Structures are given as structure tokens and as C-alpha cells.
Amino acid sequence: MNDSLTQLARDCVDCRVCPRLVAHREATAREKRRAYRDQEYWGRPVPGFGDSAARVVLVGLAPGAHGSNRTGRPFTGDASGEFLYPALYRAGLASQPHAKHAADGLTLIDCWITAAVRCAPPDNKPTREEFGNCRPFLERELRLLPQARVFVALGQWAMDSLLTVLPARFGLLDPPRPTFRHGGEVRVGEGAWIVTSYHPSRQNTQTKRLTVEMFDAMLHQVLQRRR
């Protein structure tokens, strides 16, 4: 059977490999946050989404318990998305600056968004074993995005995940292992780059560790590397 992004999404949504993550995502979906008590939570693994011909791929850490775990779409319905999508819109990578729910009409342009771990973890901290269990989904996903050449790592865990799965795809046998920094670049193959960024979490944006100007500058780097 030929693999596809549609089949990958089905396999992802059906996954129950990690007992701790399954228990947490489902308990969160039952208990809900008071502000969303009248909404039905997604409560399952969250597949990636975007333009299947994308040259730019953004990789985050994991779904937010009351964001993606509620809406079923990456970076949708929480503070991280409220920072991320306006920036993508300014960069010409999104059709609108807001992401409220999975049926809000948002489309991505030359861009795909996914995560290293597909289930919302307790305290937003997946274990190394959980990263390993989810890695095959990321490997398949990147193979199924053949035009992708610039990979944005939103945080150090995303960078580490990309450095684990990308070099073999591009034939790089001994990839560099740089120190993580915002706006860093790592060449992972001919015309292929990882660009690193602080994660647009509320903790980073409220403390000004990550500002709008910093994120826009990073996306400008990405567009310059895009072919």
C-alpha cells in the first residue's frame, strides 16, 4: 500500500502506544477547563496539517492540553497559536492571522506544521521513551513532504528530534550537533536547513525571551533559505 499524509493522520489518531499520554489526554478531555466546559475536546493524538507541497515545515514539542488537545489542530486555540499564526500570516505562510478551531478556514501556504510528540503530555514534558515512540510518525511525515527544505525547530527538543530523523533523508552521515540558540542554522543536506527558534509558549513570550520582532526575523531567515 502506498503511504500518504491521509493514512499517516489516520494512524496517528488511532495510536495508543504510550499509556501515560493516553491517560492524560483523555482525562483532560473529560475534565476540561472551565472556560471550555461546553466544548467537546478532541482528546486524541494531533496529526500535522498544512500544504502538502510545503517547502517550510515547523516542528513543535507536543499539543497543548487545552489547545490542540481540545481543537485537534496544531497550535490552535491557545496562547502559543495566538503568537504563531499572526507571524505566519505576516510572512505570507498563512491565509489568516487567527486560529480558533479546526474549521475556522485557516490554510497554510508553502508551510506544514507538526510536532515531535503527538499527544498532550503531563506538565508539557514528554519522556525520552515517548519521544522515541512518536519518532516514526515524524520520519514518515517528513518523507511524505518531498518539497520540504527548511525545517523550523520550535525549541531544543524539536531541534534534537529533527537532527535525529533528517540527516539520513538527505544523505548526511555525520550531522553537526550545535548548541541550541534562537535564529541558529544547521545544514542537514544539499539545500536543506534546520532553523532554530525559541518556542512561542506563553512563558517565553510573556517574559520577552521571545518577542514578535525576534520571531519575525527568524521567519525572514526561513524565507531566505527557502528555494
C-alpha atoms as a PDB file:
ATOM      1  CA  MET A   1       0.000   0.000   0.000  1.00  0.00           C
ATOM      2  CA  ASN A   2       1.325   3.454  -0.911  1.00  0.00           C
ATOM      3  CA  ASP A   3       1.716   5.679   2.112  1.00  0.00           C
ATOM      4  CA  SER A   4       0.074   9.105   2.218  1.00  0.00           C
ATOM      5  CA  LEU A   5      -0.393  12.027   4.585  1.00  0.00           C
ATOM      6  CA  THR A   6      -4.036  10.993   4.936  1.00  0.00           C
ATOM      7  CA  GLN A   7      -3.073   7.466   6.004  1.00  0.00           C
ATOM      8  CA  LEU A   8      -0.434   8.860   8.337  1.00  0.00           C
ATOM      9  CA  ALA A   9      -3.044  11.085  10.008  1.00  0.00           C
ATOM     10  CA  ARG A  10      -5.357   8.083  10.499  1.00  0.00           C
ATOM     11  CA  ASP A  11      -2.562   6.002  12.002  1.00  0.00           C
ATOM     12  CA  CYS A  12      -1.540   8.866  14.261  1.00  0.00           C
ATOM     13  CA  VAL A  13      -5.059   9.490  15.574  1.00  0.00           C
ATOM     14  CA  ASP A  14      -5.505   5.766  16.335  1.00  0.00           C
ATOM     15  CA  CYS A  15      -2.238   5.449  18.290  1.00  0.00           C
ATOM     16  CA  ARG A  16      -2.382   4.256  21.919  1.00  0.00           C
ATOM     17  CA  VAL A  17       1.247   3.189  22.396  1.00  0.00           C
ATOM     18  CA  CYS A  18       2.117   5.436  25.379  1.00  0.00           C
ATOM     19  CA  PRO A  19      -0.139   4.641  28.393  1.00  0.00           C
ATOM     20  CA  ARG A  20       0.815   7.795  30.320  1.00  0.00           C
ATOM     21  CA  LEU A  21      -0.016  10.077  27.381  1.00  0.00           C
ATOM     22  CA  VAL A  22      -3.253   8.258  26.580  1.00  0.00           C
ATOM     23  CA  ALA A  23      -4.407   8.590  30.183  1.00  0.00           C
ATOM     24  CA  HIS A  24      -3.514  12.278  30.380  1.00  0.00           C
ATOM     25  CA  ARG A  25      -5.004  13.402  27.076  1.00  0.00           C
ATOM     26  CA  GLU A  26      -8.263  11.552  27.756  1.00  0.00           C
ATOM     27  CA  ALA A  27      -8.561  12.729  31.364  1.00  0.00           C
ATOM     28  CA  THR A  28      -8.002  16.310  30.223  1.00  0.00           C
ATOM     29  CA  ALA A  29     -10.679  15.900  27.560  1.00  0.00           C
ATOM     30  CA  ARG A  30     -13.169  14.636  30.161  1.00  0.00           C
ATOM     31  CA  GLU A  31     -12.417  17.130  32.900  1.00  0.00           C
ATOM     32  CA  LYS A  32     -11.934  20.184  30.635  1.00  0.00           C
ATOM     33  CA  ARG A  33     -11.011  23.710  31.575  1.00  0.00           C
ATOM     34  CA  ARG A  34     -13.913  25.757  32.911  1.00  0.00           C
ATOM     35  CA  ALA A  35     -13.732  28.227  30.012  1.00  0.00           C
ATOM     36  CA  TYR A  36     -14.300  25.346  27.562  1.00  0.00           C
ATOM     37  CA  ARG A  37     -16.701  23.199  29.576  1.00  0.00           C
ATOM     38  CA  ASP A  38     -19.380  23.406  26.856  1.00  0.00           C
ATOM     39  CA  GLN A  39     -16.976  22.257  24.127  1.00  0.00           C
ATOM     40  CA  GLU A  40     -16.161  18.724  23.056  1.00  0.00           C
ATOM     41  CA  TYR A  41     -12.424  18.092  23.309  1.00  0.00           C
ATOM     42  CA  TRP A  42     -10.504  16.243  20.604  1.00  0.00           C
ATOM     43  CA  GLY A  43      -8.626  14.179  23.221  1.00  0.00           C
ATOM     44  CA  ARG A  44      -6.563  12.133  20.734  1.00  0.00           C
ATOM     45  CA  PRO A  45      -3.161  12.390  19.049  1.00  0.00           C
ATOM     46  CA  VAL A  46      -2.932  15.506  16.881  1.00  0.00           C
ATOM     47  CA  PRO A  47      -1.719  14.991  13.295  1.00  0.00           C
ATOM     48  CA  GLY A  48       0.175  17.631  11.350  1.00  0.00           C
ATOM     49  CA  PHE A  49      -1.541  19.882   8.857  1.00  0.00           C
ATOM     50  CA  GLY A  50      -0.843  22.348   6.066  1.00  0.00           C
ATOM     51  CA  ASP A  51       0.272  22.443   2.455  1.00  0.00           C
ATOM     52  CA  SER A  52       1.387  19.013   1.206  1.00  0.00           C
ATOM     53  CA  ALA A  53       3.740  20.754  -1.258  1.00  0.00           C
ATOM     54  CA  ALA A  54       5.297  22.823   1.530  1.00  0.00           C
ATOM     55  CA  ARG A  55       8.946  23.826   1.417  1.00  0.00           C
ATOM     56  CA  VAL A  56       8.785  25.011   5.043  1.00  0.00           C
ATOM     57  CA  VAL A  57       7.996  22.692   7.960  1.00  0.00           C
ATOM     58  CA  LEU A  58       7.541  23.891  11.554  1.00  0.00           C
ATOM     59  CA  VAL A  59       8.029  21.333  14.321  1.00  0.00           C
ATOM     60  CA  GLY A  60       6.843  21.983  17.867  1.00  0.00           C
ATOM     61  CA  LEU A  61       7.132  19.943  21.034  1.00  0.00           C
ATOM     62  CA  ALA A  62       3.665  18.481  21.697  1.00  0.00           C
ATOM     63  CA  PRO A  63      -0.013  19.509  21.758  1.00  0.00           C
ATOM     64  CA  GLY A  64      -1.217  21.839  24.486  1.00  0.00           C
ATOM     65  CA  ALA A  65      -3.633  20.219  26.911  1.00  0.00           C
ATOM     66  CA  HIS A  66      -6.367  22.813  26.320  1.00  0.00           C
ATOM     67  CA  GLY A  67      -5.206  23.977  22.881  1.00  0.00           C
ATOM     68  CA  SER A  68      -4.511  21.293  20.287  1.00  0.00           C
ATOM     69  CA  ASN A  69      -5.802  18.547  22.578  1.00  0.00           C
ATOM     70  CA  ARG A  70      -9.101  20.451  22.542  1.00  0.00           C
ATOM     71  CA  THR A  71      -9.237  21.577  18.895  1.00  0.00           C
ATOM     72  CA  GLY A  72      -7.417  18.744  17.120  1.00  0.00           C
ATOM     73  CA  ARG A  73      -5.132  21.040  15.124  1.00  0.00           C
ATOM     74  CA  PRO A  74      -1.540  22.073  15.946  1.00  0.00           C
ATOM     75  CA  PHE A  75      -1.101  25.400  17.768  1.00  0.00           C
ATOM     76  CA  THR A  76      -4.823  26.109  17.589  1.00  0.00           C
ATOM     77  CA  GLY A  77      -6.824  27.514  20.477  1.00  0.00           C
ATOM     78  CA  ASP A  78      -4.082  28.552  22.892  1.00  0.00           C
ATOM     79  CA  ALA A  79      -1.577  31.321  23.600  1.00  0.00           C
ATOM     80  CA  SER A  80       1.179  29.754  21.507  1.00  0.00           C
ATOM     81  CA  GLY A  81      -1.056  29.813  18.450  1.00  0.00           C
ATOM     82  CA  GLU A  82      -2.107  33.382  19.168  1.00  0.00           C
ATOM     83  CA  PHE A  83       1.561  34.310  18.802  1.00  0.00           C
ATOM     84  CA  LEU A  84       2.483  31.916  15.980  1.00  0.00           C
ATOM     85  CA  TYR A  85      -0.259  32.367  13.392  1.00  0.00           C
ATOM     86  CA  PRO A  86      -0.133  36.172  13.137  1.00  0.00           C
ATOM     87  CA  ALA A  87       3.594  35.805  12.471  1.00  0.00           C
ATOM     88  CA  LEU A  88       2.992  33.194   9.769  1.00  0.00           C
ATOM     89  CA  TYR A  89       0.373  35.479   8.237  1.00  0.00           C
ATOM     90  CA  ARG A  90       2.806  38.402   8.176  1.00  0.00           C
ATOM     91  CA  ALA A  91       5.351  36.131   6.490  1.00  0.00           C
ATOM     92  CA  GLY A  92       2.872  35.044   3.818  1.00  0.00           C
ATOM     93  CA  LEU A  93       2.711  31.469   5.126  1.00  0.00           C
ATOM     94  CA  ALA A  94      -0.891  31.519   6.425  1.00  0.00           C
ATOM     95  CA  SER A  95      -4.175  32.714   4.929  1.00  0.00           C
ATOM     96  CA  GLN A  96      -5.344  34.467   8.103  1.00  0.00           C
ATOM     97  CA  PRO A  97      -3.773  35.608  11.383  1.00  0.00           C
ATOM     98  CA  HIS A  98      -6.043  33.725  13.780  1.00  0.00           C
ATOM     99  CA  ALA A  99      -6.539  30.054  14.645  1.00  0.00           C
ATOM    100  CA  LYS A 100      -9.532  29.365  16.863  1.00  0.00           C
ATOM    101  CA  HIS A 101     -10.750  25.901  15.840  1.00  0.00           C
ATOM    102  CA  ALA A 102     -10.161  23.291  13.155  1.00  0.00           C
ATOM    103  CA  ALA A 103     -12.990  24.572  10.926  1.00  0.00           C
ATOM    104  CA  ASP A 104     -12.094  28.285  11.030  1.00  0.00           C
ATOM    105  CA  GLY A 105     -10.984  28.419   7.383  1.00  0.00           C
ATOM    106  CA  LEU A 106      -7.266  28.775   8.065  1.00  0.00           C
ATOM    107  CA  THR A 107      -4.976  27.374   5.381  1.00  0.00           C
ATOM    108  CA  LEU A 108      -1.202  27.312   5.259  1.00  0.00           C
ATOM    109  CA  ILE A 109       0.783  28.435   2.222  1.00  0.00           C
ATOM    110  CA  ASP A 110       4.015  26.575   1.416  1.00  0.00           C
ATOM    111  CA  CYS A 111       4.067  25.548   5.067  1.00  0.00           C
ATOM    112  CA  TRP A 112       3.344  22.468   7.180  1.00  0.00           C
ATOM    113  CA  ILE A 113       3.054  22.318  10.981  1.00  0.00           C
ATOM    114  CA  THR A 114       3.606  19.263  13.147  1.00  0.00           C
ATOM    115  CA  ALA A 115       5.133  18.165  16.466  1.00  0.00           C
ATOM    116  CA  ALA A 116       7.763  15.793  17.799  1.00  0.00           C
ATOM    117  CA  VAL A 117       5.167  14.198  20.123  1.00  0.00           C
ATOM    118  CA  ARG A 118       1.521  13.933  19.075  1.00  0.00           C
ATOM    119  CA  CYS A 119      -0.259  13.680  22.452  1.00  0.00           C
ATOM    120  CA  ALA A 120      -0.536  16.296  25.181  1.00  0.00           C
ATOM    121  CA  PRO A 121       1.903  15.276  27.951  1.00  0.00           C
ATOM    122  CA  PRO A 122       1.584  15.956  31.683  1.00  0.00           C
ATOM    123  CA  ASP A 123       3.302  19.233  32.587  1.00  0.00           C
ATOM    124  CA  ASN A 124       4.173  19.592  28.885  1.00  0.00           C
ATOM    125  CA  LYS A 125       7.109  17.203  29.414  1.00  0.00           C
ATOM    126  CA  PRO A 126       7.254  14.048  27.284  1.00  0.00           C
ATOM    127  CA  THR A 127       9.688  11.353  28.364  1.00  0.00           C
ATOM    128  CA  ARG A 128      12.540  10.160  26.163  1.00  0.00           C
ATOM    129  CA  GLU A 129      10.653   6.920  25.626  1.00  0.00           C
ATOM    130  CA  GLU A 130       7.595   8.850  24.437  1.00  0.00           C
ATOM    131  CA  PHE A 131       9.737  10.853  22.016  1.00  0.00           C
ATOM    132  CA  GLY A 132      11.086   7.562  20.676  1.00  0.00           C
ATOM    133  CA  ASN A 133       7.624   6.034  20.322  1.00  0.00           C
ATOM    134  CA  CYS A 134       6.425   9.044  18.315  1.00  0.00           C
ATOM    135  CA  ARG A 135       9.530   9.373  16.143  1.00  0.00           C
ATOM    136  CA  PRO A 136       8.275   7.031  13.372  1.00  0.00           C
ATOM    137  CA  PHE A 137       5.366   9.398  12.739  1.00  0.00           C
ATOM    138  CA  LEU A 138       7.769  12.306  12.231  1.00  0.00           C
ATOM    139  CA  GLU A 139      10.021  10.214   9.991  1.00  0.00           C
ATOM    140  CA  ARG A 140       7.096   9.159   7.802  1.00  0.00           C
ATOM    141  CA  GLU A 141       5.699  12.675   7.707  1.00  0.00           C
ATOM    142  CA  LEU A 142       8.938  14.231   6.505  1.00  0.00           C
ATOM    143  CA  ARG A 143       9.311  11.553   3.812  1.00  0.00           C
ATOM    144  CA  LEU A 144       5.793  12.417   2.640  1.00  0.00           C
ATOM    145  CA  LEU A 145       6.718  16.110   2.273  1.00  0.00           C
ATOM    146  CA  PRO A 146       9.244  15.776  -0.561  1.00  0.00           C
ATOM    147  CA  GLN A 147       9.460  19.511  -1.340  1.00  0.00           C
ATOM    148  CA  ALA A 148      10.368  20.468   2.236  1.00  0.00           C
ATOM    149  CA  ARG A 149      13.797  22.071   2.533  1.00  0.00           C
ATOM    150  CA  VAL A 150      13.623  24.381   5.580  1.00  0.00           C
ATOM    151  CA  PHE A 151      12.687  22.882   8.942  1.00  0.00           C
ATOM    152  CA  VAL A 152      11.916  25.242  11.821  1.00  0.00           C
ATOM    153  CA  ALA A 153      12.651  23.712  15.215  1.00  0.00           C
ATOM    154  CA  LEU A 154      10.467  25.418  17.827  1.00  0.00           C
ATOM    155  CA  GLY A 155      12.587  24.659  20.883  1.00  0.00           C
ATOM    156  CA  GLN A 156      15.539  22.421  21.669  1.00  0.00           C
ATOM    157  CA  TRP A 157      13.542  19.189  21.834  1.00  0.00           C
ATOM    158  CA  ALA A 158      12.234  19.847  18.333  1.00  0.00           C
ATOM    159  CA  MET A 159      15.793  20.525  17.135  1.00  0.00           C
ATOM    160  CA  ASP A 160      17.029  17.273  18.677  1.00  0.00           C
ATOM    161  CA  SER A 161      14.171  15.348  17.049  1.00  0.00           C
ATOM    162  CA  LEU A 162      14.896  16.842  13.634  1.00  0.00           C
ATOM    163  CA  LEU A 163      18.624  16.145  13.943  1.00  0.00           C
ATOM    164  CA  THR A 164      17.737  12.524  14.679  1.00  0.00           C
ATOM    165  CA  VAL A 165      15.485  11.960  11.662  1.00  0.00           C
ATOM    166  CA  LEU A 166      16.550  14.411   8.938  1.00  0.00           C
ATOM    167  CA  PRO A 167      20.210  13.783   8.063  1.00  0.00           C
ATOM    168  CA  ALA A 168      19.641  10.244   6.775  1.00  0.00           C
ATOM    169  CA  ARG A 169      16.937  11.531   4.437  1.00  0.00           C
ATOM    170  CA  PHE A 170      19.408  13.941   2.858  1.00  0.00           C
ATOM    171  CA  GLY A 171      22.399  11.600   2.962  1.00  0.00           C
ATOM    172  CA  LEU A 172      24.302  13.388   5.710  1.00  0.00           C
ATOM    173  CA  LEU A 173      26.053  10.680   7.734  1.00  0.00           C
ATOM    174  CA  ASP A 174      27.623  12.817  10.469  1.00  0.00           C
ATOM    175  CA  PRO A 175      25.314  15.776  11.188  1.00  0.00           C
ATOM    176  CA  PRO A 176      26.530  18.660  13.347  1.00  0.00           C
ATOM    177  CA  ARG A 177      25.156  18.892  16.886  1.00  0.00           C
ATOM    178  CA  PRO A 178      25.090  22.622  17.609  1.00  0.00           C
ATOM    179  CA  THR A 179      24.199  24.352  20.839  1.00  0.00           C
ATOM    180  CA  PHE A 180      20.594  25.483  20.630  1.00  0.00           C
ATOM    181  CA  ARG A 181      20.017  29.206  20.145  1.00  0.00           C
ATOM    182  CA  HIS A 182      17.313  31.365  18.655  1.00  0.00           C
ATOM    183  CA  GLY A 183      17.978  32.057  14.988  1.00  0.00           C
ATOM    184  CA  GLY A 184      20.557  29.301  14.626  1.00  0.00           C
ATOM    185  CA  GLU A 185      21.004  27.399  11.376  1.00  0.00           C
ATOM    186  CA  VAL A 186      22.140  23.832  10.717  1.00  0.00           C
ATOM    187  CA  ARG A 187      22.745  22.461   7.242  1.00  0.00           C
ATOM    188  CA  VAL A 188      21.371  18.917   7.027  1.00  0.00           C
ATOM    189  CA  GLY A 189      21.791  18.250   3.314  1.00  0.00           C
ATOM    190  CA  GLU A 190      22.089  19.836  -0.087  1.00  0.00           C
ATOM    191  CA  GLY A 191      19.816  22.875   0.079  1.00  0.00           C
ATOM    192  CA  ALA A 192      18.254  21.638   3.343  1.00  0.00           C
ATOM    193  CA  TRP A 193      18.398  23.537   6.628  1.00  0.00           C
ATOM    194  CA  ILE A 194      17.146  23.476  10.183  1.00  0.00           C
ATOM    195  CA  VAL A 195      16.440  26.956  11.553  1.00  0.00           C
ATOM    196  CA  THR A 196      16.057  27.089  15.332  1.00  0.00           C
ATOM    197  CA  SER A 197      13.699  29.259  17.360  1.00  0.00           C
ATOM    198  CA  TYR A 198      12.534  29.618  20.909  1.00  0.00           C
ATOM    199  CA  HIS A 199       9.130  28.005  21.291  1.00  0.00           C
ATOM    200  CA  PRO A 200       6.253  30.557  21.172  1.00  0.00           C
ATOM    201  CA  SER A 201       4.977  29.421  24.569  1.00  0.00           C
ATOM    202  CA  ARG A 202       3.309  31.874  26.930  1.00  0.00           C
ATOM    203  CA  GLN A 203       6.292  31.520  29.264  1.00  0.00           C
ATOM    204  CA  ASN A 204       8.717  32.664  26.547  1.00  0.00           C
ATOM    205  CA  THR A 205       6.578  35.435  25.074  1.00  0.00           C
ATOM    206  CA  GLN A 206       5.403  36.972  28.349  1.00  0.00           C
ATOM    207  CA  THR A 207       8.944  37.121  29.706  1.00  0.00           C
ATOM    208  CA  LYS A 208      10.158  38.635  26.403  1.00  0.00           C
ATOM    209  CA  ARG A 209      12.628  35.820  25.935  1.00  0.00           C
ATOM    210  CA  LEU A 210      10.882  35.626  22.558  1.00  0.00           C
ATOM    211  CA  THR A 211       9.488  38.820  21.037  1.00  0.00           C
ATOM    212  CA  VAL A 212       7.455  39.467  17.912  1.00  0.00           C
ATOM    213  CA  GLU A 213      10.485  41.116  16.331  1.00  0.00           C
ATOM    214  CA  MET A 214      12.713  38.115  17.100  1.00  0.00           C
ATOM    215  CA  PHE A 215      10.228  35.659  15.647  1.00  0.00           C
ATOM    216  CA  ASP A 216       9.649  37.753  12.522  1.00  0.00           C
ATOM    217  CA  ALA A 217      13.411  37.972  11.992  1.00  0.00           C
ATOM    218  CA  MET A 218      13.693  34.187  12.280  1.00  0.00           C
ATOM    219  CA  LEU A 219      10.936  33.708   9.708  1.00  0.00           C
ATOM    220  CA  HIS A 220      12.777  36.111   7.403  1.00  0.00           C
ATOM    221  CA  GLN A 221      15.773  33.749   7.667  1.00  0.00           C
ATOM    222  CA  VAL A 222      13.486  30.864   6.756  1.00  0.00           C
ATOM    223  CA  LEU A 223      12.163  32.626   3.671  1.00  0.00           C
ATOM    224  CA  GLN A 224      15.720  33.414   2.576  1.00  0.00           C
ATOM    225  CA  ARG A 225      16.671  29.727   2.851  1.00  0.00           C
ATOM    226  CA  ARG A 226      13.526  28.583   1.037  1.00  0.00           C
ATOM    227  CA  ARG A 227      14.131  27.625  -2.587  1.00  0.00           C
END
